[in-house]
Amino acid sequence: MPRSVRPRTERLRTGALLVRRVPFGEADLLVGLFTEQGGLISATARGARRSAKRFPALEPMHLLRVTLEIRPGAELAQLTEAAIERPRLRLAADLGRLEVAGRALRWVREIAPAHTAEQAAWSELNQLLDRLDEVSTPPPQALLAETGLRLLVAFGWGLELTQCVRCGRACDTTQSACADPARGGLVCRACGGGPVVLRPEPRERLLAAMLGGAPIPEEDVPLALDLVEGALTAHASGN
């Protein structure tokens, strides 16, 4: 009989962000990593709970450099090395900034596809974390709202704020419009409308922020976050 051939294990060395960390077995950790080259990857860190010396860098917020062994067909990869490539110490020491960063990491953990590189989302998330680590930074919630809108675009779910997503009818830029983030943006009244009413000025500012052209003023932050959360929740539940 021919000898069976074991699937070849791939070794991946890549930048990564820790998005999940839970105990696994007696001494291991189960980690979720959003990686630059492989997207979202779940892996075991063997012996990590027994000895902190082996994986001293498994902390969120910092940019990590990790080595993963990935076997075709296996549900979990194996984390063999992890080091901090770019520490973000100011961010890690500030509770308000930590909460904002944690929310963004949660978004990515819940919606990023497994084993699929998402370069635009990777860039947006790291830009947010870097800005939160600066000495002087804009209001963290405003940065989060801007990043959330652009993450939607990065994952292919950008909100349509110029025309109805159902019939394609253009929205008058001088008039208020109804929006439904779960359906992807504006929905005209003839198509049923939506739960959110966007006045012309905020809609224009949100569109500019989503396209990377301008920061979001603080007055628009709650509205922007509601739209982002509504869209992400809809997409996450549909996956």
C-alpha atoms as a PDB file:
ATOM      1  CA  MET A   1       0.000   0.000   0.000  1.00  0.00           C
ATOM      2  CA  PRO A   2       1.266   3.485  -0.770  1.00  0.00           C
ATOM      3  CA  ARG A   3       2.404   5.452   2.230  1.00  0.00           C
ATOM      4  CA  SER A   4       0.047   8.284   3.115  1.00  0.00           C
ATOM      5  CA  VAL A   5       1.490  11.759   2.680  1.00  0.00           C
ATOM      6  CA  ARG A   6       1.006  14.162   5.566  1.00  0.00           C
ATOM      7  CA  PRO A   7      -0.226  17.625   4.573  1.00  0.00           C
ATOM      8  CA  ARG A   8       2.635  20.086   4.431  1.00  0.00           C
ATOM      9  CA  THR A   9       2.716  22.546   7.322  1.00  0.00           C
ATOM     10  CA  GLU A  10       3.011  26.199   6.299  1.00  0.00           C
ATOM     11  CA  ARG A  11       5.117  28.540   8.398  1.00  0.00           C
ATOM     12  CA  LEU A  12       3.846  32.115   8.409  1.00  0.00           C
ATOM     13  CA  ARG A  13       5.825  34.990   9.890  1.00  0.00           C
ATOM     14  CA  THR A  14       3.739  38.144   9.945  1.00  0.00           C
ATOM     15  CA  GLY A  15       2.677  41.264  11.772  1.00  0.00           C
ATOM     16  CA  ALA A  16      -0.261  40.648  14.091  1.00  0.00           C
ATOM     17  CA  LEU A  17      -2.639  42.163  16.614  1.00  0.00           C
ATOM     18  CA  LEU A  18      -4.009  40.121  19.496  1.00  0.00           C
ATOM     19  CA  VAL A  19      -7.811  40.253  19.404  1.00  0.00           C
ATOM     20  CA  ARG A  20      -8.650  37.314  21.678  1.00  0.00           C
ATOM     21  CA  ARG A  21      -6.954  35.421  24.494  1.00  0.00           C
ATOM     22  CA  VAL A  22      -8.612  32.654  26.536  1.00  0.00           C
ATOM     23  CA  PRO A  23      -7.310  29.740  28.665  1.00  0.00           C
ATOM     24  CA  PHE A  24      -7.155  26.415  26.842  1.00  0.00           C
ATOM     25  CA  GLY A  25      -6.465  23.168  28.635  1.00  0.00           C
ATOM     26  CA  GLU A  26      -4.198  23.161  31.669  1.00  0.00           C
ATOM     27  CA  ALA A  27      -1.326  25.284  30.396  1.00  0.00           C
ATOM     28  CA  ASP A  28      -2.159  26.608  26.930  1.00  0.00           C
ATOM     29  CA  LEU A  29      -3.820  29.692  25.550  1.00  0.00           C
ATOM     30  CA  LEU A  30      -6.221  29.974  22.643  1.00  0.00           C
ATOM     31  CA  VAL A  31      -5.489  33.224  20.831  1.00  0.00           C
ATOM     32  CA  GLY A  32      -7.165  35.112  18.032  1.00  0.00           C
ATOM     33  CA  LEU A  33      -4.769  37.097  15.869  1.00  0.00           C
ATOM     34  CA  PHE A  34      -5.616  39.621  13.177  1.00  0.00           C
ATOM     35  CA  THR A  35      -2.581  39.273  10.946  1.00  0.00           C
ATOM     36  CA  GLU A  36      -1.179  41.345   8.134  1.00  0.00           C
ATOM     37  CA  GLN A  37      -0.628  38.462   5.748  1.00  0.00           C
ATOM     38  CA  GLY A  38      -3.247  35.914   6.784  1.00  0.00           C
ATOM     39  CA  GLY A  39      -6.197  37.857   8.157  1.00  0.00           C
ATOM     40  CA  LEU A  40      -7.933  36.429  11.206  1.00  0.00           C
ATOM     41  CA  ILE A  41      -6.231  33.293  12.548  1.00  0.00           C
ATOM     42  CA  SER A  42      -7.022  31.246  15.646  1.00  0.00           C
ATOM     43  CA  ALA A  43      -4.061  29.470  17.224  1.00  0.00           C
ATOM     44  CA  THR A  44      -2.880  27.643  20.308  1.00  0.00           C
ATOM     45  CA  ALA A  45       0.054  28.919  22.336  1.00  0.00           C
ATOM     46  CA  ARG A  46       1.295  25.769  24.030  1.00  0.00           C
ATOM     47  CA  GLY A  47       2.592  26.165  27.559  1.00  0.00           C
ATOM     48  CA  ALA A  48       1.916  29.905  27.577  1.00  0.00           C
ATOM     49  CA  ARG A  49       0.112  29.814  30.927  1.00  0.00           C
ATOM     50  CA  ARG A  50       2.766  27.683  32.575  1.00  0.00           C
ATOM     51  CA  SER A  51       5.688  29.921  31.651  1.00  0.00           C
ATOM     52  CA  ALA A  52       5.440  33.598  30.727  1.00  0.00           C
ATOM     53  CA  LYS A  53       8.995  33.474  29.359  1.00  0.00           C
ATOM     54  CA  ARG A  54       7.942  31.632  26.216  1.00  0.00           C
ATOM     55  CA  PHE A  55       5.313  34.161  25.095  1.00  0.00           C
ATOM     56  CA  PRO A  56       5.986  37.408  27.003  1.00  0.00           C
ATOM     57  CA  ALA A  57       4.567  39.536  24.196  1.00  0.00           C
ATOM     58  CA  LEU A  58       0.993  38.244  24.039  1.00  0.00           C
ATOM     59  CA  GLU A  59      -0.634  41.546  24.915  1.00  0.00           C
ATOM     60  CA  PRO A  60      -3.286  43.497  23.011  1.00  0.00           C
ATOM     61  CA  MET A  61      -2.748  46.941  21.453  1.00  0.00           C
ATOM     62  CA  HIS A  62       0.959  46.423  20.608  1.00  0.00           C
ATOM     63  CA  LEU A  63       2.021  45.504  17.088  1.00  0.00           C
ATOM     64  CA  LEU A  64       3.390  41.966  17.272  1.00  0.00           C
ATOM     65  CA  ARG A  65       5.634  39.905  15.041  1.00  0.00           C
ATOM     66  CA  VAL A  66       4.546  36.279  15.232  1.00  0.00           C
ATOM     67  CA  THR A  67       5.417  32.939  13.707  1.00  0.00           C
ATOM     68  CA  LEU A  68       2.578  30.509  13.073  1.00  0.00           C
ATOM     69  CA  GLU A  69       2.561  26.926  11.876  1.00  0.00           C
ATOM     70  CA  ILE A  70      -0.551  26.257   9.794  1.00  0.00           C
ATOM     71  CA  ARG A  71      -1.513  22.740   8.758  1.00  0.00           C
ATOM     72  CA  PRO A  72      -4.010  22.407   5.882  1.00  0.00           C
ATOM     73  CA  GLY A  73      -7.431  21.382   7.167  1.00  0.00           C
ATOM     74  CA  ALA A  74      -6.603  22.064  10.818  1.00  0.00           C
ATOM     75  CA  GLU A  75      -8.996  24.305  12.725  1.00  0.00           C
ATOM     76  CA  LEU A  76      -6.242  25.859  14.822  1.00  0.00           C
ATOM     77  CA  ALA A  77      -2.768  27.022  13.914  1.00  0.00           C
ATOM     78  CA  GLN A  78       0.115  26.760  16.354  1.00  0.00           C
ATOM     79  CA  LEU A  79       1.804  29.906  17.616  1.00  0.00           C
ATOM     80  CA  THR A  80       5.522  29.225  17.976  1.00  0.00           C
ATOM     81  CA  GLU A  81       6.970  32.739  18.442  1.00  0.00           C
ATOM     82  CA  ALA A  82       5.692  36.185  19.395  1.00  0.00           C
ATOM     83  CA  ALA A  83       7.572  39.431  19.947  1.00  0.00           C
ATOM     84  CA  ILE A  84       6.559  43.068  20.269  1.00  0.00           C
ATOM     85  CA  GLU A  85       7.540  44.922  17.106  1.00  0.00           C
ATOM     86  CA  ARG A  86       6.000  48.284  18.003  1.00  0.00           C
ATOM     87  CA  PRO A  87       5.020  48.937  21.621  1.00  0.00           C
ATOM     88  CA  ARG A  88       2.140  51.329  22.287  1.00  0.00           C
ATOM     89  CA  LEU A  89       2.805  52.230  25.901  1.00  0.00           C
ATOM     90  CA  ARG A  90       0.815  55.468  26.113  1.00  0.00           C
ATOM     91  CA  LEU A  91      -2.245  53.711  24.734  1.00  0.00           C
ATOM     92  CA  ALA A  92      -1.853  50.784  27.122  1.00  0.00           C
ATOM     93  CA  ALA A  93      -1.664  53.153  30.119  1.00  0.00           C
ATOM     94  CA  ASP A  94      -4.793  55.213  29.362  1.00  0.00           C
ATOM     95  CA  LEU A  95      -8.193  53.696  30.206  1.00  0.00           C
ATOM     96  CA  GLY A  96     -10.182  55.877  27.805  1.00  0.00           C
ATOM     97  CA  ARG A  97      -7.900  55.100  24.901  1.00  0.00           C
ATOM     98  CA  LEU A  98      -7.853  51.415  25.843  1.00  0.00           C
ATOM     99  CA  GLU A  99     -11.650  51.248  25.708  1.00  0.00           C
ATOM    100  CA  VAL A 100     -11.698  52.806  22.241  1.00  0.00           C
ATOM    101  CA  ALA A 101      -8.955  50.499  20.963  1.00  0.00           C
ATOM    102  CA  GLY A 102     -10.685  47.476  22.468  1.00  0.00           C
ATOM    103  CA  ARG A 103     -13.919  48.325  20.687  1.00  0.00           C
ATOM    104  CA  ALA A 104     -12.148  48.570  17.340  1.00  0.00           C
ATOM    105  CA  LEU A 105     -10.373  45.251  17.924  1.00  0.00           C
ATOM    106  CA  ARG A 106     -13.727  43.674  18.798  1.00  0.00           C
ATOM    107  CA  TRP A 107     -15.213  44.923  15.534  1.00  0.00           C
ATOM    108  CA  VAL A 108     -12.440  43.289  13.542  1.00  0.00           C
ATOM    109  CA  ARG A 109     -12.567  40.072  15.584  1.00  0.00           C
ATOM    110  CA  GLU A 110     -16.283  39.705  14.874  1.00  0.00           C
ATOM    111  CA  ILE A 111     -16.355  40.523  11.162  1.00  0.00           C
ATOM    112  CA  ALA A 112     -12.968  39.764   9.597  1.00  0.00           C
ATOM    113  CA  PRO A 113     -13.011  36.597   7.473  1.00  0.00           C
ATOM    114  CA  ALA A 114     -10.697  33.802   8.575  1.00  0.00           C
ATOM    115  CA  HIS A 115      -7.435  33.253   6.717  1.00  0.00           C
ATOM    116  CA  THR A 116      -8.067  36.148   4.321  1.00  0.00           C
ATOM    117  CA  ALA A 117      -5.644  39.060   4.207  1.00  0.00           C
ATOM    118  CA  GLU A 118      -7.435  42.393   4.550  1.00  0.00           C
ATOM    119  CA  GLN A 119      -4.741  44.961   3.852  1.00  0.00           C
ATOM    120  CA  ALA A 120      -6.963  48.042   3.933  1.00  0.00           C
ATOM    121  CA  ALA A 121      -8.549  47.025   7.246  1.00  0.00           C
ATOM    122  CA  TRP A 122      -5.119  46.140   8.658  1.00  0.00           C
ATOM    123  CA  SER A 123      -3.850  49.603   7.739  1.00  0.00           C
ATOM    124  CA  GLU A 124      -6.884  51.420   9.164  1.00  0.00           C
ATOM    125  CA  LEU A 125      -6.739  49.541  12.463  1.00  0.00           C
ATOM    126  CA  ASN A 126      -3.026  50.147  12.963  1.00  0.00           C
ATOM    127  CA  GLN A 127      -3.390  53.828  12.080  1.00  0.00           C
ATOM    128  CA  LEU A 128      -6.025  54.132  14.805  1.00  0.00           C
ATOM    129  CA  LEU A 129      -3.831  52.404  17.384  1.00  0.00           C
ATOM    130  CA  ASP A 130      -0.825  54.540  16.436  1.00  0.00           C
ATOM    131  CA  ARG A 131      -2.820  57.759  16.776  1.00  0.00           C
ATOM    132  CA  LEU A 132      -4.179  56.642  20.143  1.00  0.00           C
ATOM    133  CA  ASP A 133      -0.565  56.141  21.240  1.00  0.00           C
ATOM    134  CA  GLU A 134       0.492  59.714  20.409  1.00  0.00           C
ATOM    135  CA  VAL A 135       1.152  62.252  23.169  1.00  0.00           C
ATOM    136  CA  SER A 136      -1.547  64.568  21.871  1.00  0.00           C
ATOM    137  CA  THR A 137      -4.453  63.023  20.023  1.00  0.00           C
ATOM    138  CA  PRO A 138      -7.912  64.109  18.827  1.00  0.00           C
ATOM    139  CA  PRO A 139     -10.842  62.887  20.948  1.00  0.00           C
ATOM    140  CA  PRO A 140     -10.556  59.072  20.964  1.00  0.00           C
ATOM    141  CA  GLN A 141     -14.264  58.551  20.244  1.00  0.00           C
ATOM    142  CA  ALA A 142     -13.965  60.732  17.132  1.00  0.00           C
ATOM    143  CA  LEU A 143     -10.998  58.680  15.927  1.00  0.00           C
ATOM    144  CA  LEU A 144     -13.013  55.516  16.540  1.00  0.00           C
ATOM    145  CA  ALA A 145     -15.974  56.823  14.547  1.00  0.00           C
ATOM    146  CA  GLU A 146     -13.756  57.776  11.599  1.00  0.00           C
ATOM    147  CA  THR A 147     -12.016  54.392  11.682  1.00  0.00           C
ATOM    148  CA  GLY A 148     -15.337  52.569  11.900  1.00  0.00           C
ATOM    149  CA  LEU A 149     -16.671  54.259   8.779  1.00  0.00           C
ATOM    150  CA  ARG A 150     -13.482  53.467   6.884  1.00  0.00           C
ATOM    151  CA  LEU A 151     -13.411  49.868   8.129  1.00  0.00           C
ATOM    152  CA  LEU A 152     -16.824  49.427   6.546  1.00  0.00           C
ATOM    153  CA  VAL A 153     -15.318  50.566   3.252  1.00  0.00           C
ATOM    154  CA  ALA A 154     -12.266  48.344   3.736  1.00  0.00           C
ATOM    155  CA  PHE A 155     -14.443  45.253   4.195  1.00  0.00           C
ATOM    156  CA  GLY A 156     -16.607  46.200   1.196  1.00  0.00           C
ATOM    157  CA  TRP A 157     -19.572  47.422   3.251  1.00  0.00           C
ATOM    158  CA  GLY A 158     -19.208  51.188   2.874  1.00  0.00           C
ATOM    159  CA  LEU A 159     -22.428  53.061   3.590  1.00  0.00           C
ATOM    160  CA  GLU A 160     -24.187  54.558   0.587  1.00  0.00           C
ATOM    161  CA  LEU A 161     -24.922  58.173   1.546  1.00  0.00           C
ATOM    162  CA  THR A 162     -25.722  59.723  -1.836  1.00  0.00           C
ATOM    163  CA  GLN A 163     -28.587  57.592  -3.186  1.00  0.00           C
ATOM    164  CA  CYS A 164     -31.163  55.007  -2.161  1.00  0.00           C
ATOM    165  CA  VAL A 165     -29.679  51.535  -1.819  1.00  0.00           C
ATOM    166  CA  ARG A 166     -32.918  49.977  -3.057  1.00  0.00           C
ATOM    167  CA  CYS A 167     -33.967  51.970  -6.122  1.00  0.00           C
ATOM    168  CA  GLY A 168     -30.841  54.032  -6.837  1.00  0.00           C
ATOM    169  CA  ARG A 169     -32.644  57.351  -6.693  1.00  0.00           C
ATOM    170  CA  ALA A 170     -30.223  60.191  -5.916  1.00  0.00           C
ATOM    171  CA  CYS A 171     -30.755  62.084  -2.674  1.00  0.00           C
ATOM    172  CA  ASP A 172     -31.091  65.862  -2.867  1.00  0.00           C
ATOM    173  CA  THR A 173     -28.024  67.238  -1.064  1.00  0.00           C
ATOM    174  CA  THR A 174     -30.150  70.004   0.479  1.00  0.00           C
ATOM    175  CA  GLN A 175     -32.739  67.650   1.992  1.00  0.00           C
ATOM    176  CA  SER A 176     -32.754  65.306   4.974  1.00  0.00           C
ATOM    177  CA  ALA A 177     -32.707  61.590   4.179  1.00  0.00           C
ATOM    178  CA  CYS A 178     -33.611  58.340   5.885  1.00  0.00           C
ATOM    179  CA  ALA A 179     -30.925  55.745   6.468  1.00  0.00           C
ATOM    180  CA  ASP A 180     -30.873  52.123   7.545  1.00  0.00           C
ATOM    181  CA  PRO A 181     -27.327  50.956   8.359  1.00  0.00           C
ATOM    182  CA  ALA A 182     -28.429  47.315   8.318  1.00  0.00           C
ATOM    183  CA  ARG A 183     -29.431  47.746   4.671  1.00  0.00           C
ATOM    184  CA  GLY A 184     -26.280  49.635   3.707  1.00  0.00           C
ATOM    185  CA  GLY A 185     -27.163  53.330   3.733  1.00  0.00           C
ATOM    186  CA  LEU A 186     -29.888  55.666   2.518  1.00  0.00           C
ATOM    187  CA  VAL A 187     -33.358  54.250   1.898  1.00  0.00           C
ATOM    188  CA  CYS A 188     -35.863  56.629   0.335  1.00  0.00           C
ATOM    189  CA  ARG A 189     -39.374  56.858   1.735  1.00  0.00           C
ATOM    190  CA  ALA A 190     -40.801  55.206  -1.372  1.00  0.00           C
ATOM    191  CA  CYS A 191     -38.713  52.134  -0.533  1.00  0.00           C
ATOM    192  CA  GLY A 192     -39.717  52.090   3.109  1.00  0.00           C
ATOM    193  CA  GLY A 193     -37.308  54.601   4.646  1.00  0.00           C
ATOM    194  CA  GLY A 194     -35.076  53.857   7.611  1.00  0.00           C
ATOM    195  CA  PRO A 195     -34.798  54.404  11.373  1.00  0.00           C
ATOM    196  CA  VAL A 196     -32.164  57.157  11.145  1.00  0.00           C
ATOM    197  CA  VAL A 197     -32.775  60.634   9.746  1.00  0.00           C
ATOM    198  CA  LEU A 198     -29.675  62.327   8.356  1.00  0.00           C
ATOM    199  CA  ARG A 199     -29.720  66.065   7.891  1.00  0.00           C
ATOM    200  CA  PRO A 200     -27.766  67.393   4.877  1.00  0.00           C
ATOM    201  CA  GLU A 201     -24.796  68.847   6.781  1.00  0.00           C
ATOM    202  CA  PRO A 202     -24.001  65.802   8.956  1.00  0.00           C
ATOM    203  CA  ARG A 203     -24.505  63.496   5.978  1.00  0.00           C
ATOM    204  CA  GLU A 204     -21.938  65.470   3.988  1.00  0.00           C
ATOM    205  CA  ARG A 205     -19.456  65.411   6.867  1.00  0.00           C
ATOM    206  CA  LEU A 206     -19.883  61.669   7.417  1.00  0.00           C
ATOM    207  CA  LEU A 207     -19.370  60.994   3.723  1.00  0.00           C
ATOM    208  CA  ALA A 208     -16.158  63.054   3.735  1.00  0.00           C
ATOM    209  CA  ALA A 209     -14.861  61.210   6.807  1.00  0.00           C
ATOM    210  CA  MET A 210     -15.725  57.819   5.321  1.00  0.00           C
ATOM    211  CA  LEU A 211     -13.733  58.678   2.203  1.00  0.00           C
ATOM    212  CA  GLY A 212     -10.790  59.894   4.297  1.00  0.00           C
ATOM    213  CA  GLY A 213     -11.161  63.551   3.454  1.00  0.00           C
ATOM    214  CA  ALA A 214     -11.935  65.156   6.808  1.00  0.00           C
ATOM    215  CA  PRO A 215     -12.130  64.460  10.545  1.00  0.00           C
ATOM    216  CA  ILE A 216     -15.514  63.985  12.202  1.00  0.00           C
ATOM    217  CA  PRO A 217     -16.611  66.837  14.475  1.00  0.00           C
ATOM    218  CA  GLU A 218     -17.542  65.748  17.993  1.00  0.00           C
ATOM    219  CA  GLU A 219     -21.199  66.600  17.437  1.00  0.00           C
ATOM    220  CA  ASP A 220     -21.421  63.894  14.735  1.00  0.00           C
ATOM    221  CA  VAL A 221     -19.624  61.162  16.697  1.00  0.00           C
ATOM    222  CA  PRO A 222     -22.686  59.513  18.352  1.00  0.00           C
ATOM    223  CA  LEU A 223     -24.517  59.391  15.018  1.00  0.00           C
ATOM    224  CA  ALA A 224     -21.486  57.953  13.222  1.00  0.00           C
ATOM    225  CA  LEU A 225     -20.957  55.264  15.865  1.00  0.00           C
ATOM    226  CA  ASP A 226     -24.634  54.271  15.747  1.00  0.00           C
ATOM    227  CA  LEU A 227     -24.395  53.851  11.963  1.00  0.00           C
ATOM    228  CA  VAL A 228     -21.183  51.838  12.214  1.00  0.00           C
ATOM    229  CA  GLU A 229     -22.518  49.557  14.957  1.00  0.00           C
ATOM    230  CA  GLY A 230     -25.769  49.019  13.053  1.00  0.00           C
ATOM    231  CA  ALA A 231     -23.959  48.055   9.865  1.00  0.00           C
ATOM    232  CA  LEU A 232     -21.419  45.812  11.592  1.00  0.00           C
ATOM    233  CA  THR A 233     -24.071  44.049  13.667  1.00  0.00           C
ATOM    234  CA  ALA A 234     -26.081  43.290  10.523  1.00  0.00           C
ATOM    235  CA  HIS A 235     -23.067  41.910   8.682  1.00  0.00           C
ATOM    236  CA  ALA A 236     -21.782  39.922  11.671  1.00  0.00           C
ATOM    237  CA  SER A 237     -25.163  38.260  12.177  1.00  0.00           C
ATOM    238  CA  GLY A 238     -25.328  37.405   8.500  1.00  0.00           C
ATOM    239  CA  ASN A 239     -21.938  35.641   8.468  1.00  0.00           C
END
